Amino acid sequence: MRLADIVQGVQHLGIPVVNLNEAVNWYEEKLGFRRVQQKIVLNPNYMEMAILVLGDIMLQIYQPSGRERIEVAKRRDGILDHFAIEAPDIEECAREALEKGMQVHSSTPDGIIHYTTLGEKGVKGINFAGPNQEVVEFCHDNSIGYGARKGLQGWAHLALKVRDLERSREFYGKLGFKECGGGYLMTDDGRLEIAFMKNNGFMLEIIQMAGQGLLELDKRTSGHIDHIALDVSDISDALFLAKKEGFRMIHYVVQTLPILERGIRFFKVMGPDGEIIEFAEKNYLTF
């Protein structure tokens, strides 16, 4: 058995914040996310947490306490650089976002950019700053026939900035991700090679940095986006196989968390560049 055989896709994206209520309200009012749960948990320390959903996107937004909350306030951009929401009518979605007071992120200061060297027919994107300075992109893939669909839909991709594209390809291949496209971006630092890898409808955009971007990447650790959680069919098997692969373990035993309908069991590992990947089995415990 391989890890690729038991990874069933993405479960959630973890975003730590300084003020939970402000962050939840922002995602609800600005982007149309729906709150499905909000509660206090011990993990092992006191933490306030909310689960938000938009299409097939699930966000786990949480406010730690004590020193952890202070640490969250000091975070900057991390290896998990941004997440993108599919926007069939990107111009209208961007216009509505600006009318709601959303701030365009400094990475796209002039608004929507047409990335002609990405994907089959190019991609359009615009980045906004979230409530805790996480980067949220609206993304339109020119190769997709959206038909009459309008508004923000769900997952487009999660972007990782990495040092070695081949190393990341190999790592995520072990998790069942398969390459489905690619491209490049020309920057002041040189040509950035990009690979798209997909697992059960969830896309990773893996960006190999160059020049000064590599030096800047060395300063990144856990950022505004903390982790990505992958659904697995059996958490005990996943833990055994992750150890067998020699992954850098954050947790050596399975953890529990009383969220969603019946709780989840999980553990976390570090990816090739220090990004945090969680393996999670939901609907296991009754609280």
C-alpha atoms as a PDB file:
ATOM      1  CA  MET A   1       0.000   0.000   0.000  1.00  0.00           C
ATOM      2  CA  ARG A   2       1.156   3.535  -0.803  1.00  0.00           C
ATOM      3  CA  LEU A   3       0.173   6.905   0.646  1.00  0.00           C
ATOM      4  CA  ALA A   4      -1.172   7.760  -2.804  1.00  0.00           C
ATOM      5  CA  ASP A   5      -3.704   4.923  -2.384  1.00  0.00           C
ATOM      6  CA  ILE A   6      -5.294   6.375   0.756  1.00  0.00           C
ATOM      7  CA  VAL A   7      -5.145  10.135   0.116  1.00  0.00           C
ATOM      8  CA  GLN A   8      -8.638  11.086  -1.058  1.00  0.00           C
ATOM      9  CA  GLY A   9      -8.112  14.767  -1.817  1.00  0.00           C
ATOM     10  CA  VAL A  10      -8.042  17.975   0.158  1.00  0.00           C
ATOM     11  CA  GLN A  11      -9.962  18.495   3.383  1.00  0.00           C
ATOM     12  CA  HIS A  12      -9.181  22.040   4.516  1.00  0.00           C
ATOM     13  CA  LEU A  13      -6.744  24.927   4.545  1.00  0.00           C
ATOM     14  CA  GLY A  14      -5.576  26.124   7.962  1.00  0.00           C
ATOM     15  CA  ILE A  15      -5.311  29.880   8.561  1.00  0.00           C
ATOM     16  CA  PRO A  16      -4.318  31.225  12.002  1.00  0.00           C
ATOM     17  CA  VAL A  17      -5.596  34.710  12.874  1.00  0.00           C
ATOM     18  CA  VAL A  18      -5.310  37.253  15.649  1.00  0.00           C
ATOM     19  CA  ASN A  19      -9.056  38.024  15.790  1.00  0.00           C
ATOM     20  CA  LEU A  20     -11.343  35.146  14.864  1.00  0.00           C
ATOM     21  CA  ASN A  21     -14.628  37.057  14.692  1.00  0.00           C
ATOM     22  CA  GLU A  22     -13.163  39.741  12.443  1.00  0.00           C
ATOM     23  CA  ALA A  23     -11.682  37.123  10.118  1.00  0.00           C
ATOM     24  CA  VAL A  24     -14.887  35.082   9.947  1.00  0.00           C
ATOM     25  CA  ASN A  25     -16.947  38.184   9.212  1.00  0.00           C
ATOM     26  CA  TRP A  26     -14.514  39.178   6.456  1.00  0.00           C
ATOM     27  CA  TYR A  27     -14.777  35.825   4.679  1.00  0.00           C
ATOM     28  CA  GLU A  28     -18.556  35.798   5.039  1.00  0.00           C
ATOM     29  CA  GLU A  29     -19.195  39.382   3.962  1.00  0.00           C
ATOM     30  CA  LYS A  30     -16.475  39.859   1.350  1.00  0.00           C
ATOM     31  CA  LEU A  31     -16.286  36.434  -0.286  1.00  0.00           C
ATOM     32  CA  GLY A  32     -19.562  34.718   0.555  1.00  0.00           C
ATOM     33  CA  PHE A  33     -18.181  31.887   2.699  1.00  0.00           C
ATOM     34  CA  ARG A  34     -20.693  30.085   4.923  1.00  0.00           C
ATOM     35  CA  ARG A  35     -19.866  29.378   8.572  1.00  0.00           C
ATOM     36  CA  VAL A  36     -20.708  25.760   9.396  1.00  0.00           C
ATOM     37  CA  GLN A  37     -19.117  25.596  12.837  1.00  0.00           C
ATOM     38  CA  GLN A  38     -17.529  27.829  15.471  1.00  0.00           C
ATOM     39  CA  LYS A  39     -16.362  26.573  18.829  1.00  0.00           C
ATOM     40  CA  ILE A  40     -13.675  26.591  21.499  1.00  0.00           C
ATOM     41  CA  VAL A  41     -11.271  23.637  21.472  1.00  0.00           C
ATOM     42  CA  LEU A  42      -8.234  22.511  23.439  1.00  0.00           C
ATOM     43  CA  ASN A  43      -5.371  21.545  21.122  1.00  0.00           C
ATOM     44  CA  PRO A  44      -3.875  21.226  23.770  1.00  0.00           C
ATOM     45  CA  ASN A  45      -4.193  24.912  24.658  1.00  0.00           C
ATOM     46  CA  TYR A  46      -7.303  27.098  24.495  1.00  0.00           C
ATOM     47  CA  MET A  47      -8.176  27.956  20.904  1.00  0.00           C
ATOM     48  CA  GLU A  48     -11.179  29.471  19.141  1.00  0.00           C
ATOM     49  CA  MET A  49     -11.908  27.906  15.774  1.00  0.00           C
ATOM     50  CA  ALA A  50     -14.352  28.271  12.897  1.00  0.00           C
ATOM     51  CA  ILE A  51     -15.022  26.148   9.815  1.00  0.00           C
ATOM     52  CA  LEU A  52     -16.035  28.081   6.687  1.00  0.00           C
ATOM     53  CA  VAL A  53     -17.140  26.694   3.316  1.00  0.00           C
ATOM     54  CA  LEU A  54     -17.393  28.096  -0.206  1.00  0.00           C
ATOM     55  CA  GLY A  55     -18.140  25.503  -2.892  1.00  0.00           C
ATOM     56  CA  ASP A  56     -15.538  22.775  -2.367  1.00  0.00           C
ATOM     57  CA  ILE A  57     -13.238  25.026  -0.312  1.00  0.00           C
ATOM     58  CA  MET A  58     -13.108  24.440   3.432  1.00  0.00           C
ATOM     59  CA  LEU A  59     -11.160  26.854   5.631  1.00  0.00           C
ATOM     60  CA  GLN A  60     -10.171  26.108   9.213  1.00  0.00           C
ATOM     61  CA  ILE A  61      -9.672  29.559  10.727  1.00  0.00           C
ATOM     62  CA  TYR A  62      -8.386  29.583  14.274  1.00  0.00           C
ATOM     63  CA  GLN A  63      -7.320  32.044  16.952  1.00  0.00           C
ATOM     64  CA  PRO A  64      -4.680  30.648  19.326  1.00  0.00           C
ATOM     65  CA  SER A  65      -4.160  31.997  22.825  1.00  0.00           C
ATOM     66  CA  GLY A  66      -1.177  33.258  24.791  1.00  0.00           C
ATOM     67  CA  ARG A  67       2.233  33.235  23.149  1.00  0.00           C
ATOM     68  CA  GLU A  68       0.923  31.429  20.065  1.00  0.00           C
ATOM     69  CA  ARG A  69      -1.386  34.333  19.315  1.00  0.00           C
ATOM     70  CA  ILE A  70       1.545  36.750  19.614  1.00  0.00           C
ATOM     71  CA  GLU A  71       3.523  34.550  17.210  1.00  0.00           C
ATOM     72  CA  VAL A  72       0.669  34.588  14.687  1.00  0.00           C
ATOM     73  CA  ALA A  73       0.657  38.404  14.732  1.00  0.00           C
ATOM     74  CA  LYS A  74       4.341  38.391  13.707  1.00  0.00           C
ATOM     75  CA  ARG A  75       3.957  35.987  10.797  1.00  0.00           C
ATOM     76  CA  ARG A  76       4.727  36.960   7.229  1.00  0.00           C
ATOM     77  CA  ASP A  77       4.200  35.170   3.909  1.00  0.00           C
ATOM     78  CA  GLY A  78       5.129  31.488   4.071  1.00  0.00           C
ATOM     79  CA  ILE A  79       6.012  28.619   1.762  1.00  0.00           C
ATOM     80  CA  LEU A  80       2.263  28.177   1.222  1.00  0.00           C
ATOM     81  CA  ASP A  81       2.099  31.474  -0.641  1.00  0.00           C
ATOM     82  CA  HIS A  82      -1.548  31.987  -1.587  1.00  0.00           C
ATOM     83  CA  PHE A  83      -4.779  30.196  -2.349  1.00  0.00           C
ATOM     84  CA  ALA A  84      -6.880  30.865  -5.411  1.00  0.00           C
ATOM     85  CA  ILE A  85     -10.652  30.841  -5.884  1.00  0.00           C
ATOM     86  CA  GLU A  86     -12.108  30.052  -9.291  1.00  0.00           C
ATOM     87  CA  ALA A  87     -13.768  33.130 -10.803  1.00  0.00           C
ATOM     88  CA  PRO A  88     -15.501  32.556 -14.185  1.00  0.00           C
ATOM     89  CA  ASP A  89     -16.393  36.265 -14.509  1.00  0.00           C
ATOM     90  CA  ILE A  90     -13.203  37.565 -12.943  1.00  0.00           C
ATOM     91  CA  GLU A  91     -13.707  41.193 -13.988  1.00  0.00           C
ATOM     92  CA  GLU A  92     -17.109  41.341 -12.297  1.00  0.00           C
ATOM     93  CA  CYS A  93     -15.848  39.466  -9.222  1.00  0.00           C
ATOM     94  CA  ALA A  94     -12.929  41.901  -8.881  1.00  0.00           C
ATOM     95  CA  ARG A  95     -15.197  44.919  -9.300  1.00  0.00           C
ATOM     96  CA  GLU A  96     -17.554  43.665  -6.574  1.00  0.00           C
ATOM     97  CA  ALA A  97     -14.607  42.934  -4.269  1.00  0.00           C
ATOM     98  CA  LEU A  98     -13.322  46.478  -4.617  1.00  0.00           C
ATOM     99  CA  GLU A  99     -16.801  47.865  -3.963  1.00  0.00           C
ATOM    100  CA  LYS A 100     -16.862  45.830  -0.736  1.00  0.00           C
ATOM    101  CA  GLY A 101     -13.625  47.479   0.361  1.00  0.00           C
ATOM    102  CA  MET A 102     -11.220  44.596  -0.301  1.00  0.00           C
ATOM    103  CA  GLN A 103      -7.602  45.662  -0.728  1.00  0.00           C
ATOM    104  CA  VAL A 104      -5.609  44.599  -3.778  1.00  0.00           C
ATOM    105  CA  HIS A 105      -2.404  42.851  -2.679  1.00  0.00           C
ATOM    106  CA  SER A 106       0.958  44.384  -3.553  1.00  0.00           C
ATOM    107  CA  SER A 107       1.769  41.378  -5.778  1.00  0.00           C
ATOM    108  CA  THR A 108      -0.841  42.566  -8.326  1.00  0.00           C
ATOM    109  CA  PRO A 109      -0.886  46.345  -7.736  1.00  0.00           C
ATOM    110  CA  ASP A 110      -2.419  47.176 -11.130  1.00  0.00           C
ATOM    111  CA  GLY A 111      -5.288  44.736 -10.881  1.00  0.00           C
ATOM    112  CA  ILE A 112      -6.005  41.731 -13.076  1.00  0.00           C
ATOM    113  CA  ILE A 113      -2.958  40.206 -14.782  1.00  0.00           C
ATOM    114  CA  HIS A 114      -3.096  37.960 -17.851  1.00  0.00           C
ATOM    115  CA  TYR A 115      -0.474  35.238 -17.406  1.00  0.00           C
ATOM    116  CA  THR A 116      -0.131  34.091 -21.001  1.00  0.00           C
ATOM    117  CA  THR A 117       2.608  31.535 -20.243  1.00  0.00           C
ATOM    118  CA  LEU A 118       0.607  29.514 -17.707  1.00  0.00           C
ATOM    119  CA  GLY A 119      -1.614  26.577 -18.572  1.00  0.00           C
ATOM    120  CA  GLU A 120      -2.950  25.699 -22.009  1.00  0.00           C
ATOM    121  CA  LYS A 121      -4.410  29.074 -22.948  1.00  0.00           C
ATOM    122  CA  GLY A 122      -3.236  31.412 -20.213  1.00  0.00           C
ATOM    123  CA  VAL A 123      -4.676  32.401 -16.862  1.00  0.00           C
ATOM    124  CA  LYS A 124      -6.062  35.651 -15.454  1.00  0.00           C
ATOM    125  CA  GLY A 125      -5.557  36.508 -11.810  1.00  0.00           C
ATOM    126  CA  ILE A 126      -5.797  39.250  -9.211  1.00  0.00           C
ATOM    127  CA  ASN A 127      -4.611  39.007  -5.591  1.00  0.00           C
ATOM    128  CA  PHE A 128      -6.306  40.475  -2.536  1.00  0.00           C
ATOM    129  CA  ALA A 129      -5.083  40.809   1.056  1.00  0.00           C
ATOM    130  CA  GLY A 130      -7.110  38.800   3.545  1.00  0.00           C
ATOM    131  CA  PRO A 131      -7.937  39.851   7.133  1.00  0.00           C
ATOM    132  CA  ASN A 132      -4.617  38.522   8.447  1.00  0.00           C
ATOM    133  CA  GLN A 133      -2.643  39.494   5.306  1.00  0.00           C
ATOM    134  CA  GLU A 134      -3.023  36.045   3.736  1.00  0.00           C
ATOM    135  CA  VAL A 135      -3.075  36.302  -0.063  1.00  0.00           C
ATOM    136  CA  VAL A 136      -6.348  35.342  -1.758  1.00  0.00           C
ATOM    137  CA  GLU A 137      -6.349  35.164  -5.550  1.00  0.00           C
ATOM    138  CA  PHE A 138      -9.303  35.294  -7.937  1.00  0.00           C
ATOM    139  CA  CYS A 139      -8.358  33.041 -10.858  1.00  0.00           C
ATOM    140  CA  HIS A 140      -9.809  32.533 -14.350  1.00  0.00           C
ATOM    141  CA  ASP A 141      -8.409  29.713 -16.502  1.00  0.00           C
ATOM    142  CA  ASN A 142      -8.887  30.552 -20.175  1.00  0.00           C
ATOM    143  CA  SER A 143      -8.923  26.859 -21.100  1.00  0.00           C
ATOM    144  CA  ILE A 144     -12.061  26.145 -19.050  1.00  0.00           C
ATOM    145  CA  GLY A 145     -15.525  26.497 -20.550  1.00  0.00           C
ATOM    146  CA  TYR A 146     -17.366  28.133 -17.664  1.00  0.00           C
ATOM    147  CA  GLY A 147     -20.648  28.475 -19.539  1.00  0.00           C
ATOM    148  CA  ALA A 148     -23.120  30.626 -17.634  1.00  0.00           C
ATOM    149  CA  ARG A 149     -21.406  30.223 -14.272  1.00  0.00           C
ATOM    150  CA  LYS A 150     -20.777  33.447 -12.395  1.00  0.00           C
ATOM    151  CA  GLY A 151     -19.337  34.451  -9.044  1.00  0.00           C
ATOM    152  CA  LEU A 152     -16.714  32.805  -6.874  1.00  0.00           C
ATOM    153  CA  GLN A 153     -16.966  29.025  -7.305  1.00  0.00           C
ATOM    154  CA  GLY A 154     -14.468  27.058  -5.221  1.00  0.00           C
ATOM    155  CA  TRP A 155     -10.899  25.782  -5.454  1.00  0.00           C
ATOM    156  CA  ALA A 156      -8.683  26.989  -8.266  1.00  0.00           C
ATOM    157  CA  HIS A 157      -5.327  26.133  -6.660  1.00  0.00           C
ATOM    158  CA  LEU A 158      -2.962  26.456  -3.714  1.00  0.00           C
ATOM    159  CA  ALA A 159       0.431  27.987  -4.573  1.00  0.00           C
ATOM    160  CA  LEU A 160       3.758  26.883  -3.082  1.00  0.00           C
ATOM    161  CA  LYS A 161       7.041  28.670  -3.635  1.00  0.00           C
ATOM    162  CA  VAL A 162       9.870  26.122  -3.592  1.00  0.00           C
ATOM    163  CA  ARG A 163      13.620  25.782  -4.040  1.00  0.00           C
ATOM    164  CA  ASP A 164      13.703  22.617  -6.134  1.00  0.00           C
ATOM    165  CA  LEU A 165      10.789  21.817  -8.442  1.00  0.00           C
ATOM    166  CA  GLU A 166      11.872  18.227  -9.087  1.00  0.00           C
ATOM    167  CA  ARG A 167      12.125  17.487  -5.380  1.00  0.00           C
ATOM    168  CA  SER A 168       8.607  18.851  -4.835  1.00  0.00           C
ATOM    169  CA  ARG A 169       7.250  16.917  -7.819  1.00  0.00           C
ATOM    170  CA  GLU A 170       8.594  13.713  -6.319  1.00  0.00           C
ATOM    171  CA  PHE A 171       7.245  14.457  -2.836  1.00  0.00           C
ATOM    172  CA  TYR A 172       3.715  15.345  -3.931  1.00  0.00           C
ATOM    173  CA  GLY A 173       3.719  12.440  -6.359  1.00  0.00           C
ATOM    174  CA  LYS A 174       3.994  10.175  -3.318  1.00  0.00           C
ATOM    175  CA  LEU A 175       0.781  11.776  -2.026  1.00  0.00           C
ATOM    176  CA  GLY A 176      -1.119  10.932  -5.196  1.00  0.00           C
ATOM    177  CA  PHE A 177      -0.731  14.255  -7.019  1.00  0.00           C
ATOM    178  CA  LYS A 178      -0.249  13.933 -10.777  1.00  0.00           C
ATOM    179  CA  GLU A 179       1.182  16.608 -13.040  1.00  0.00           C
ATOM    180  CA  CYS A 180      -1.486  18.091 -15.290  1.00  0.00           C
ATOM    181  CA  GLY A 181       0.189  21.142 -16.811  1.00  0.00           C
ATOM    182  CA  GLY A 182       2.721  23.851 -16.256  1.00  0.00           C
ATOM    183  CA  GLY A 183       4.263  27.021 -17.542  1.00  0.00           C
ATOM    184  CA  TYR A 184       6.646  29.739 -16.526  1.00  0.00           C
ATOM    185  CA  LEU A 185       6.837  33.368 -15.475  1.00  0.00           C
ATOM    186  CA  MET A 186       9.518  35.845 -16.516  1.00  0.00           C
ATOM    187  CA  THR A 187      10.573  38.056 -13.608  1.00  0.00           C
ATOM    188  CA  ASP A 188      13.443  40.332 -12.620  1.00  0.00           C
ATOM    189  CA  ASP A 189      14.962  37.268 -10.923  1.00  0.00           C
ATOM    190  CA  GLY A 190      14.783  35.236 -14.120  1.00  0.00           C
ATOM    191  CA  ARG A 191      12.484  32.518 -15.382  1.00  0.00           C
ATOM    192  CA  LEU A 192      10.324  30.822 -12.733  1.00  0.00           C
ATOM    193  CA  GLU A 193       9.346  27.288 -13.732  1.00  0.00           C
ATOM    194  CA  ILE A 194       5.847  26.210 -12.637  1.00  0.00           C
ATOM    195  CA  ALA A 195       4.190  22.805 -12.394  1.00  0.00           C
ATOM    196  CA  PHE A 196       0.498  22.125 -11.798  1.00  0.00           C
ATOM    197  CA  MET A 197      -0.297  18.913  -9.925  1.00  0.00           C
ATOM    198  CA  LYS A 198      -3.802  17.638  -9.179  1.00  0.00           C
ATOM    199  CA  ASN A 199      -5.392  15.165  -6.780  1.00  0.00           C
ATOM    200  CA  ASN A 200      -9.151  14.513  -6.884  1.00  0.00           C
ATOM    201  CA  GLY A 201      -9.927  17.942  -8.290  1.00  0.00           C
ATOM    202  CA  PHE A 202      -7.550  19.865  -6.010  1.00  0.00           C
ATOM    203  CA  MET A 203      -4.703  21.709  -7.731  1.00  0.00           C
ATOM    204  CA  LEU A 204      -1.246  22.645  -6.506  1.00  0.00           C
ATOM    205  CA  GLU A 205       0.687  25.379  -8.290  1.00  0.00           C
ATOM    206  CA  ILE A 206       4.343  24.699  -7.510  1.00  0.00           C
ATOM    207  CA  ILE A 207       6.633  27.629  -8.320  1.00  0.00           C
ATOM    208  CA  GLN A 208      10.404  27.210  -8.431  1.00  0.00           C
ATOM    209  CA  MET A 209      11.971  30.469  -7.318  1.00  0.00           C
ATOM    210  CA  ALA A 210      15.187  32.007  -8.693  1.00  0.00           C
ATOM    211  CA  GLY A 211      17.646  34.809  -7.910  1.00  0.00           C
ATOM    212  CA  GLN A 212      16.652  37.072  -5.054  1.00  0.00           C
ATOM    213  CA  GLY A 213      13.429  35.112  -4.774  1.00  0.00           C
ATOM    214  CA  LEU A 214      15.428  32.125  -3.539  1.00  0.00           C
ATOM    215  CA  LEU A 215      17.138  34.246  -0.904  1.00  0.00           C
ATOM    216  CA  GLU A 216      13.791  35.623   0.220  1.00  0.00           C
ATOM    217  CA  LEU A 217      12.387  32.100   0.336  1.00  0.00           C
ATOM    218  CA  ASP A 218      15.081  31.099   2.836  1.00  0.00           C
ATOM    219  CA  LYS A 219      13.491  33.521   5.320  1.00  0.00           C
ATOM    220  CA  ARG A 220      10.044  31.982   5.031  1.00  0.00           C
ATOM    221  CA  THR A 221       8.705  29.543   7.608  1.00  0.00           C
ATOM    222  CA  SER A 222       5.102  29.025   8.700  1.00  0.00           C
ATOM    223  CA  GLY A 223       3.173  31.911   7.220  1.00  0.00           C
ATOM    224  CA  HIS A 224      -0.280  33.451   7.126  1.00  0.00           C
ATOM    225  CA  ILE A 225      -1.461  30.190   5.553  1.00  0.00           C
ATOM    226  CA  ASP A 226      -0.324  27.569   8.042  1.00  0.00           C
ATOM    227  CA  HIS A 227      -1.132  24.167   6.549  1.00  0.00           C
ATOM    228  CA  ILE A 228      -3.046  22.156   3.993  1.00  0.00           C
ATOM    229  CA  ALA A 229      -4.979  19.109   5.227  1.00  0.00           C
ATOM    230  CA  LEU A 230      -5.475  16.026   3.067  1.00  0.00           C
ATOM    231  CA  ASP A 231      -8.300  13.545   3.612  1.00  0.00           C
ATOM    232  CA  VAL A 232      -7.154   9.975   4.162  1.00  0.00           C
ATOM    233  CA  SER A 233      -9.191   6.795   4.395  1.00  0.00           C
ATOM    234  CA  ASP A 234      -7.220   5.403   7.349  1.00  0.00           C
ATOM    235  CA  ILE A 235      -5.131   7.635   9.602  1.00  0.00           C
ATOM    236  CA  SER A 236      -3.191   4.747  11.177  1.00  0.00           C
ATOM    237  CA  ASP A 237      -2.086   3.485   7.780  1.00  0.00           C
ATOM    238  CA  ALA A 238      -1.191   7.033   6.733  1.00  0.00           C
ATOM    239  CA  LEU A 239       0.998   7.516   9.820  1.00  0.00           C
ATOM    240  CA  PHE A 240       2.794   4.214   9.230  1.00  0.00           C
ATOM    241  CA  LEU A 241       3.415   4.999   5.557  1.00  0.00           C
ATOM    242  CA  ALA A 242       4.577   8.581   6.228  1.00  0.00           C
ATOM    243  CA  LYS A 243       7.172   7.265   8.693  1.00  0.00           C
ATOM    244  CA  LYS A 244       8.186   4.553   6.241  1.00  0.00           C
ATOM    245  CA  GLU A 245       8.771   7.205   3.541  1.00  0.00           C
ATOM    246  CA  GLY A 246      11.071   9.058   5.933  1.00  0.00           C
ATOM    247  CA  PHE A 247       8.970  12.227   6.025  1.00  0.00           C
ATOM    248  CA  ARG A 248       9.877  14.907   8.554  1.00  0.00           C
ATOM    249  CA  MET A 249       7.288  14.238  11.247  1.00  0.00           C
ATOM    250  CA  ILE A 250       5.752  17.038  13.300  1.00  0.00           C
ATOM    251  CA  HIS A 251       3.539  14.529  15.123  1.00  0.00           C
ATOM    252  CA  TYR A 252       4.770  11.006  15.783  1.00  0.00           C
ATOM    253  CA  VAL A 253       1.403   9.815  17.084  1.00  0.00           C
ATOM    254  CA  VAL A 254      -2.145  10.487  15.925  1.00  0.00           C
ATOM    255  CA  GLN A 255      -3.818  13.588  17.376  1.00  0.00           C
ATOM    256  CA  THR A 256      -7.550  14.295  17.834  1.00  0.00           C
ATOM    257  CA  LEU A 257      -9.602  17.455  17.375  1.00  0.00           C
ATOM    258  CA  PRO A 258     -13.342  17.900  18.128  1.00  0.00           C
ATOM    259  CA  ILE A 259     -14.368  19.667  14.915  1.00  0.00           C
ATOM    260  CA  LEU A 260     -16.790  18.919  12.091  1.00  0.00           C
ATOM    261  CA  GLU A 261     -19.671  16.568  12.850  1.00  0.00           C
ATOM    262  CA  ARG A 262     -17.855  13.853  14.771  1.00  0.00           C
ATOM    263  CA  GLY A 263     -14.283  15.052  15.134  1.00  0.00           C
ATOM    264  CA  ILE A 264     -11.107  14.218  13.228  1.00  0.00           C
ATOM    265  CA  ARG A 265      -7.892  12.296  13.837  1.00  0.00           C
ATOM    266  CA  PHE A 266      -4.776  13.776  12.285  1.00  0.00           C
ATOM    267  CA  PHE A 267      -1.016  14.203  12.213  1.00  0.00           C
ATOM    268  CA  LYS A 268       1.278  16.671  10.454  1.00  0.00           C
ATOM    269  CA  VAL A 269       4.505  16.429   8.480  1.00  0.00           C
ATOM    270  CA  MET A 270       6.812  18.931   6.786  1.00  0.00           C
ATOM    271  CA  GLY A 271       7.162  19.064   3.033  1.00  0.00           C
ATOM    272  CA  PRO A 272      10.441  19.618   1.147  1.00  0.00           C
ATOM    273  CA  ASP A 273      10.590  23.355   1.891  1.00  0.00           C
ATOM    274  CA  GLY A 274       9.151  23.247   5.404  1.00  0.00           C
ATOM    275  CA  GLU A 275       5.515  23.621   4.370  1.00  0.00           C
ATOM    276  CA  ILE A 276       3.096  21.870   6.727  1.00  0.00           C
ATOM    277  CA  ILE A 277       0.898  19.070   5.395  1.00  0.00           C
ATOM    278  CA  GLU A 278      -1.757  17.536   7.615  1.00  0.00           C
ATOM    279  CA  PHE A 279      -3.238  14.086   7.075  1.00  0.00           C
ATOM    280  CA  ALA A 280      -6.752  13.901   8.494  1.00  0.00           C
ATOM    281  CA  GLU A 281      -9.436  11.260   8.906  1.00  0.00           C
ATOM    282  CA  LYS A 282     -12.802  12.803   9.713  1.00  0.00           C
ATOM    283  CA  ASN A 283     -16.027  11.456  11.192  1.00  0.00           C
ATOM    284  CA  TYR A 284     -14.158   9.142  13.525  1.00  0.00           C
ATOM    285  CA  LEU A 285     -14.937  10.277  17.061  1.00  0.00           C
ATOM    286  CA  THR A 286     -18.167  11.243  18.767  1.00  0.00           C
ATOM    287  CA  PHE A 287     -18.057  14.177  21.193  1.00  0.00           C
END
